[in-house]
């Protein structure tokens, strides 16, 4: 009887050790995913900033104000805020939408989207849920900036710093 108790005690201890090991492995994957999303988010935001600068320049030159540039800038600014709060997956989604809107502004102002500016598989987050544009739109802080107002200002707040 004593041997059975000892065996049961050992089995329970081994089971709890195994459960802790599984939790640690899962936590490691989550942490790794978070770090990967941070790297991807920074890359996406920086690439989108370059596209926005080009869209800004073309809109300033051709003066075709569709409102797409202003929306793109709003989404990009919000992506920066999300990134700095550590919400990297959502920052990626916001910045990707910003880039798509910037593409529309570029095309409306007689420009073409360069191949290296296009969205690719490396611009995706590990987050399997892809929010709709309407959901991303609802998240934006209130702002009424227009294309006309933007072309007369510098877009200094659309990119991340090297320290981010």
C-alpha atoms as a PDB file:
ATOM      1  CA  UNK A   1       0.000   0.000   0.000  1.00  0.00           C
ATOM      2  CA  UNK A   2       2.835   2.385   0.836  1.00  0.00           C
ATOM      3  CA  UNK A   3       4.501   1.652  -2.511  1.00  0.00           C
ATOM      4  CA  UNK A   4       1.293   2.507  -4.375  1.00  0.00           C
ATOM      5  CA  UNK A   5       1.088   5.866  -2.584  1.00  0.00           C
ATOM      6  CA  UNK A   6       4.699   6.631  -3.466  1.00  0.00           C
ATOM      7  CA  UNK A   7       4.099   5.733  -7.116  1.00  0.00           C
ATOM      8  CA  UNK A   8       0.982   7.924  -7.214  1.00  0.00           C
ATOM      9  CA  UNK A   9       2.876  10.812  -5.620  1.00  0.00           C
ATOM     10  CA  UNK A  10       5.670  10.491  -8.181  1.00  0.00           C
ATOM     11  CA  UNK A  11       3.131  10.376 -11.032  1.00  0.00           C
ATOM     12  CA  UNK A  12       1.391  13.504  -9.777  1.00  0.00           C
ATOM     13  CA  UNK A  13       4.719  15.349  -9.423  1.00  0.00           C
ATOM     14  CA  UNK A  14       5.842  14.326 -12.909  1.00  0.00           C
ATOM     15  CA  UNK A  15       2.491  15.395 -14.337  1.00  0.00           C
ATOM     16  CA  UNK A  16       2.718  18.855 -12.802  1.00  0.00           C
ATOM     17  CA  UNK A  17       6.322  19.280 -13.981  1.00  0.00           C
ATOM     18  CA  UNK A  18       5.238  18.308 -17.507  1.00  0.00           C
ATOM     19  CA  UNK A  19       2.359  20.814 -17.406  1.00  0.00           C
ATOM     20  CA  UNK A  20       4.741  23.601 -16.323  1.00  0.00           C
ATOM     21  CA  UNK A  21       7.126  22.715 -19.135  1.00  0.00           C
ATOM     22  CA  UNK A  22       4.274  22.917 -21.649  1.00  0.00           C
ATOM     23  CA  UNK A  23       3.235  26.323 -20.313  1.00  0.00           C
ATOM     24  CA  UNK A  24       6.786  27.601 -20.665  1.00  0.00           C
ATOM     25  CA  UNK A  25       6.995  26.372 -24.256  1.00  0.00           C
ATOM     26  CA  UNK A  26       3.715  28.076 -25.125  1.00  0.00           C
ATOM     27  CA  UNK A  27       4.903  31.281 -23.470  1.00  0.00           C
ATOM     28  CA  UNK A  28       8.090  31.117 -25.487  1.00  0.00           C
ATOM     29  CA  UNK A  29       6.121  30.912 -28.707  1.00  0.00           C
ATOM     30  CA  UNK A  30       3.972  33.859 -27.710  1.00  0.00           C
ATOM     31  CA  UNK A  31       7.030  35.921 -26.813  1.00  0.00           C
ATOM     32  CA  UNK A  32       8.710  34.948 -30.092  1.00  0.00           C
ATOM     33  CA  UNK A  33       5.600  35.900 -32.038  1.00  0.00           C
ATOM     34  CA  UNK A  34       5.467  39.251 -30.231  1.00  0.00           C
ATOM     35  CA  UNK A  35       9.098  39.998 -31.060  1.00  0.00           C
ATOM     36  CA  UNK A  36       8.606  38.967 -34.695  1.00  0.00           C
ATOM     37  CA  UNK A  37       5.528  41.194 -34.952  1.00  0.00           C
ATOM     38  CA  UNK A  38       7.546  44.105 -33.521  1.00  0.00           C
ATOM     39  CA  UNK A  39      10.204  43.690 -36.210  1.00  0.00           C
ATOM     40  CA  UNK A  40       7.612  43.314 -38.974  1.00  0.00           C
ATOM     41  CA  UNK A  41       5.581  46.270 -37.685  1.00  0.00           C
ATOM     42  CA  UNK A  42       8.609  48.545 -37.693  1.00  0.00           C
ATOM     43  CA  UNK A  43       9.487  47.492 -41.236  1.00  0.00           C
ATOM     44  CA  UNK A  44       5.907  47.957 -42.478  1.00  0.00           C
ATOM     45  CA  UNK A  45       5.555  51.397 -40.870  1.00  0.00           C
ATOM     46  CA  UNK A  46       8.892  52.581 -42.268  1.00  0.00           C
ATOM     47  CA  UNK A  47       8.084  51.347 -45.788  1.00  0.00           C
ATOM     48  CA  UNK A  48       4.630  52.924 -45.647  1.00  0.00           C
ATOM     49  CA  UNK A  49       6.183  56.237 -44.559  1.00  0.00           C
ATOM     50  CA  UNK A  50       8.254  56.272 -47.761  1.00  0.00           C
ATOM     51  CA  UNK A  51       5.152  55.638 -49.877  1.00  0.00           C
ATOM     52  CA  UNK A  52       3.290  58.411 -48.037  1.00  0.00           C
ATOM     53  CA  UNK A  53       6.096  60.876 -48.688  1.00  0.00           C
ATOM     54  CA  UNK A  54       5.863  60.102 -52.402  1.00  0.00           C
ATOM     55  CA  UNK A  55       2.058  60.398 -52.351  1.00  0.00           C
ATOM     56  CA  UNK A  56       2.409  63.727 -50.531  1.00  0.00           C
ATOM     57  CA  UNK A  57       4.838  65.014 -53.153  1.00  0.00           C
ATOM     58  CA  UNK A  58       2.649  63.915 -56.092  1.00  0.00           C
ATOM     59  CA  UNK A  59      -0.497  65.386 -54.531  1.00  0.00           C
ATOM     60  CA  UNK A  60       1.327  68.659 -53.940  1.00  0.00           C
ATOM     61  CA  UNK A  61       2.487  68.756 -57.583  1.00  0.00           C
ATOM     62  CA  UNK A  62      -0.753  67.640 -59.293  1.00  0.00           C
ATOM     63  CA  UNK A  63      -3.300  69.017 -56.800  1.00  0.00           C
ATOM     64  CA  UNK A  64      -5.853  66.221 -57.213  1.00  0.00           C
ATOM     65  CA  UNK A  65      -7.382  66.157 -53.736  1.00  0.00           C
ATOM     66  CA  UNK A  66      -9.307  62.917 -53.269  1.00  0.00           C
ATOM     67  CA  UNK A  67      -9.078  62.713 -49.490  1.00  0.00           C
ATOM     68  CA  UNK A  68      -7.116  59.453 -49.742  1.00  0.00           C
ATOM     69  CA  UNK A  69      -3.851  61.082 -48.694  1.00  0.00           C
ATOM     70  CA  UNK A  70      -5.425  62.524 -45.547  1.00  0.00           C
ATOM     71  CA  UNK A  71      -6.947  59.138 -44.659  1.00  0.00           C
ATOM     72  CA  UNK A  72      -3.638  57.399 -45.304  1.00  0.00           C
ATOM     73  CA  UNK A  73      -1.821  59.822 -43.007  1.00  0.00           C
ATOM     74  CA  UNK A  74      -4.435  59.350 -40.263  1.00  0.00           C
ATOM     75  CA  UNK A  75      -4.050  55.556 -40.393  1.00  0.00           C
ATOM     76  CA  UNK A  76      -0.261  55.821 -40.403  1.00  0.00           C
ATOM     77  CA  UNK A  77      -0.206  58.165 -37.417  1.00  0.00           C
ATOM     78  CA  UNK A  78      -2.443  55.754 -35.541  1.00  0.00           C
ATOM     79  CA  UNK A  79      -0.184  52.838 -36.540  1.00  0.00           C
ATOM     80  CA  UNK A  80       2.708  54.682 -34.881  1.00  0.00           C
ATOM     81  CA  UNK A  81       0.668  55.137 -31.709  1.00  0.00           C
ATOM     82  CA  UNK A  82      -0.250  51.439 -31.660  1.00  0.00           C
ATOM     83  CA  UNK A  83       3.370  50.443 -32.250  1.00  0.00           C
ATOM     84  CA  UNK A  84       4.575  52.558 -29.348  1.00  0.00           C
ATOM     85  CA  UNK A  85       1.900  50.994 -27.111  1.00  0.00           C
ATOM     86  CA  UNK A  86       3.135  47.519 -28.069  1.00  0.00           C
ATOM     87  CA  UNK A  87       0.112  46.558 -30.173  1.00  0.00           C
ATOM     88  CA  UNK A  88       2.263  45.469 -33.100  1.00  0.00           C
ATOM     89  CA  UNK A  89      -0.234  43.287 -34.992  1.00  0.00           C
ATOM     90  CA  UNK A  90      -2.822  46.065 -35.067  1.00  0.00           C
ATOM     91  CA  UNK A  91      -0.139  48.603 -36.049  1.00  0.00           C
ATOM     92  CA  UNK A  92       0.697  46.402 -39.043  1.00  0.00           C
ATOM     93  CA  UNK A  93      -2.955  46.327 -40.124  1.00  0.00           C
ATOM     94  CA  UNK A  94      -3.321  50.106 -39.794  1.00  0.00           C
ATOM     95  CA  UNK A  95      -0.106  50.790 -41.696  1.00  0.00           C
ATOM     96  CA  UNK A  96      -1.029  48.354 -44.481  1.00  0.00           C
ATOM     97  CA  UNK A  97      -4.358  50.159 -44.949  1.00  0.00           C
ATOM     98  CA  UNK A  98      -2.486  53.457 -44.941  1.00  0.00           C
ATOM     99  CA  UNK A  99      -0.247  52.215 -47.734  1.00  0.00           C
ATOM    100  CA  UNK A 100      -3.205  51.022 -49.830  1.00  0.00           C
ATOM    101  CA  UNK A 101      -4.808  54.472 -49.457  1.00  0.00           C
ATOM    102  CA  UNK A 102      -1.508  56.124 -50.381  1.00  0.00           C
ATOM    103  CA  UNK A 103      -1.446  53.996 -53.544  1.00  0.00           C
ATOM    104  CA  UNK A 104      -4.843  55.433 -54.490  1.00  0.00           C
ATOM    105  CA  UNK A 105      -3.574  58.979 -53.885  1.00  0.00           C
ATOM    106  CA  UNK A 106      -0.507  58.263 -56.036  1.00  0.00           C
ATOM    107  CA  UNK A 107      -2.598  56.877 -58.878  1.00  0.00           C
ATOM    108  CA  UNK A 108      -5.073  59.777 -58.680  1.00  0.00           C
ATOM    109  CA  UNK A 109      -2.144  62.168 -59.080  1.00  0.00           C
ATOM    110  CA  UNK A 110      -0.696  60.609 -62.253  1.00  0.00           C
ATOM    111  CA  UNK A 111       1.773  58.369 -60.475  1.00  0.00           C
ATOM    112  CA  UNK A 112       2.383  54.657 -60.552  1.00  0.00           C
ATOM    113  CA  UNK A 113       3.069  52.327 -57.682  1.00  0.00           C
ATOM    114  CA  UNK A 114       6.591  50.945 -57.836  1.00  0.00           C
ATOM    115  CA  UNK A 115       7.054  47.214 -57.430  1.00  0.00           C
ATOM    116  CA  UNK A 116       9.165  47.626 -54.283  1.00  0.00           C
ATOM    117  CA  UNK A 117       6.394  49.723 -52.680  1.00  0.00           C
ATOM    118  CA  UNK A 118       3.703  47.083 -53.073  1.00  0.00           C
ATOM    119  CA  UNK A 119       2.471  45.032 -50.167  1.00  0.00           C
ATOM    120  CA  UNK A 120       3.971  41.577 -49.932  1.00  0.00           C
ATOM    121  CA  UNK A 121       3.830  38.493 -47.785  1.00  0.00           C
ATOM    122  CA  UNK A 122       6.621  39.906 -45.611  1.00  0.00           C
ATOM    123  CA  UNK A 123       4.287  42.773 -44.646  1.00  0.00           C
ATOM    124  CA  UNK A 124       1.916  40.476 -42.754  1.00  0.00           C
ATOM    125  CA  UNK A 125       1.628  39.957 -39.018  1.00  0.00           C
ATOM    126  CA  UNK A 126       1.426  36.600 -37.272  1.00  0.00           C
ATOM    127  CA  UNK A 127      -2.085  37.604 -36.261  1.00  0.00           C
ATOM    128  CA  UNK A 128      -4.428  35.307 -38.183  1.00  0.00           C
ATOM    129  CA  UNK A 129      -7.383  37.656 -37.904  1.00  0.00           C
ATOM    130  CA  UNK A 130      -7.543  40.321 -40.568  1.00  0.00           C
ATOM    131  CA  UNK A 131      -9.823  43.188 -39.615  1.00  0.00           C
ATOM    132  CA  UNK A 132     -11.923  44.839 -42.295  1.00  0.00           C
ATOM    133  CA  UNK A 133     -11.168  48.356 -43.457  1.00  0.00           C
ATOM    134  CA  UNK A 134     -14.352  49.500 -41.718  1.00  0.00           C
ATOM    135  CA  UNK A 135     -13.146  48.051 -38.393  1.00  0.00           C
ATOM    136  CA  UNK A 136      -9.797  49.793 -38.777  1.00  0.00           C
ATOM    137  CA  UNK A 137     -11.586  53.013 -39.682  1.00  0.00           C
ATOM    138  CA  UNK A 138     -13.682  52.878 -36.491  1.00  0.00           C
ATOM    139  CA  UNK A 139     -10.520  52.679 -34.361  1.00  0.00           C
ATOM    140  CA  UNK A 140      -9.107  55.980 -35.619  1.00  0.00           C
ATOM    141  CA  UNK A 141      -9.067  58.971 -33.299  1.00  0.00           C
ATOM    142  CA  UNK A 142     -11.216  61.854 -34.517  1.00  0.00           C
ATOM    143  CA  UNK A 143      -9.455  64.129 -36.995  1.00  0.00           C
ATOM    144  CA  UNK A 144     -10.644  66.371 -39.798  1.00  0.00           C
ATOM    145  CA  UNK A 145      -7.408  67.058 -41.651  1.00  0.00           C
ATOM    146  CA  UNK A 146      -7.756  67.388 -45.441  1.00  0.00           C
ATOM    147  CA  UNK A 147      -5.412  66.782 -48.358  1.00  0.00           C
ATOM    148  CA  UNK A 148      -5.134  70.538 -48.924  1.00  0.00           C
ATOM    149  CA  UNK A 149      -4.024  71.105 -45.345  1.00  0.00           C
ATOM    150  CA  UNK A 150      -1.525  68.258 -45.522  1.00  0.00           C
ATOM    151  CA  UNK A 151       0.297  69.420 -48.621  1.00  0.00           C
ATOM    152  CA  UNK A 152       1.243  72.631 -46.845  1.00  0.00           C
ATOM    153  CA  UNK A 153       2.790  70.789 -43.906  1.00  0.00           C
ATOM    154  CA  UNK A 154       5.676  68.436 -43.328  1.00  0.00           C
ATOM    155  CA  UNK A 155       4.876  64.790 -42.689  1.00  0.00           C
ATOM    156  CA  UNK A 156       7.303  64.472 -39.808  1.00  0.00           C
ATOM    157  CA  UNK A 157       5.057  62.305 -37.634  1.00  0.00           C
ATOM    158  CA  UNK A 158       4.450  59.344 -39.955  1.00  0.00           C
ATOM    159  CA  UNK A 159       7.677  57.406 -39.445  1.00  0.00           C
ATOM    160  CA  UNK A 160       9.304  55.719 -36.475  1.00  0.00           C
ATOM    161  CA  UNK A 161      12.513  56.942 -34.936  1.00  0.00           C
ATOM    162  CA  UNK A 162      15.619  54.761 -34.920  1.00  0.00           C
ATOM    163  CA  UNK A 163      15.092  54.356 -31.168  1.00  0.00           C
ATOM    164  CA  UNK A 164      11.617  52.811 -31.581  1.00  0.00           C
END
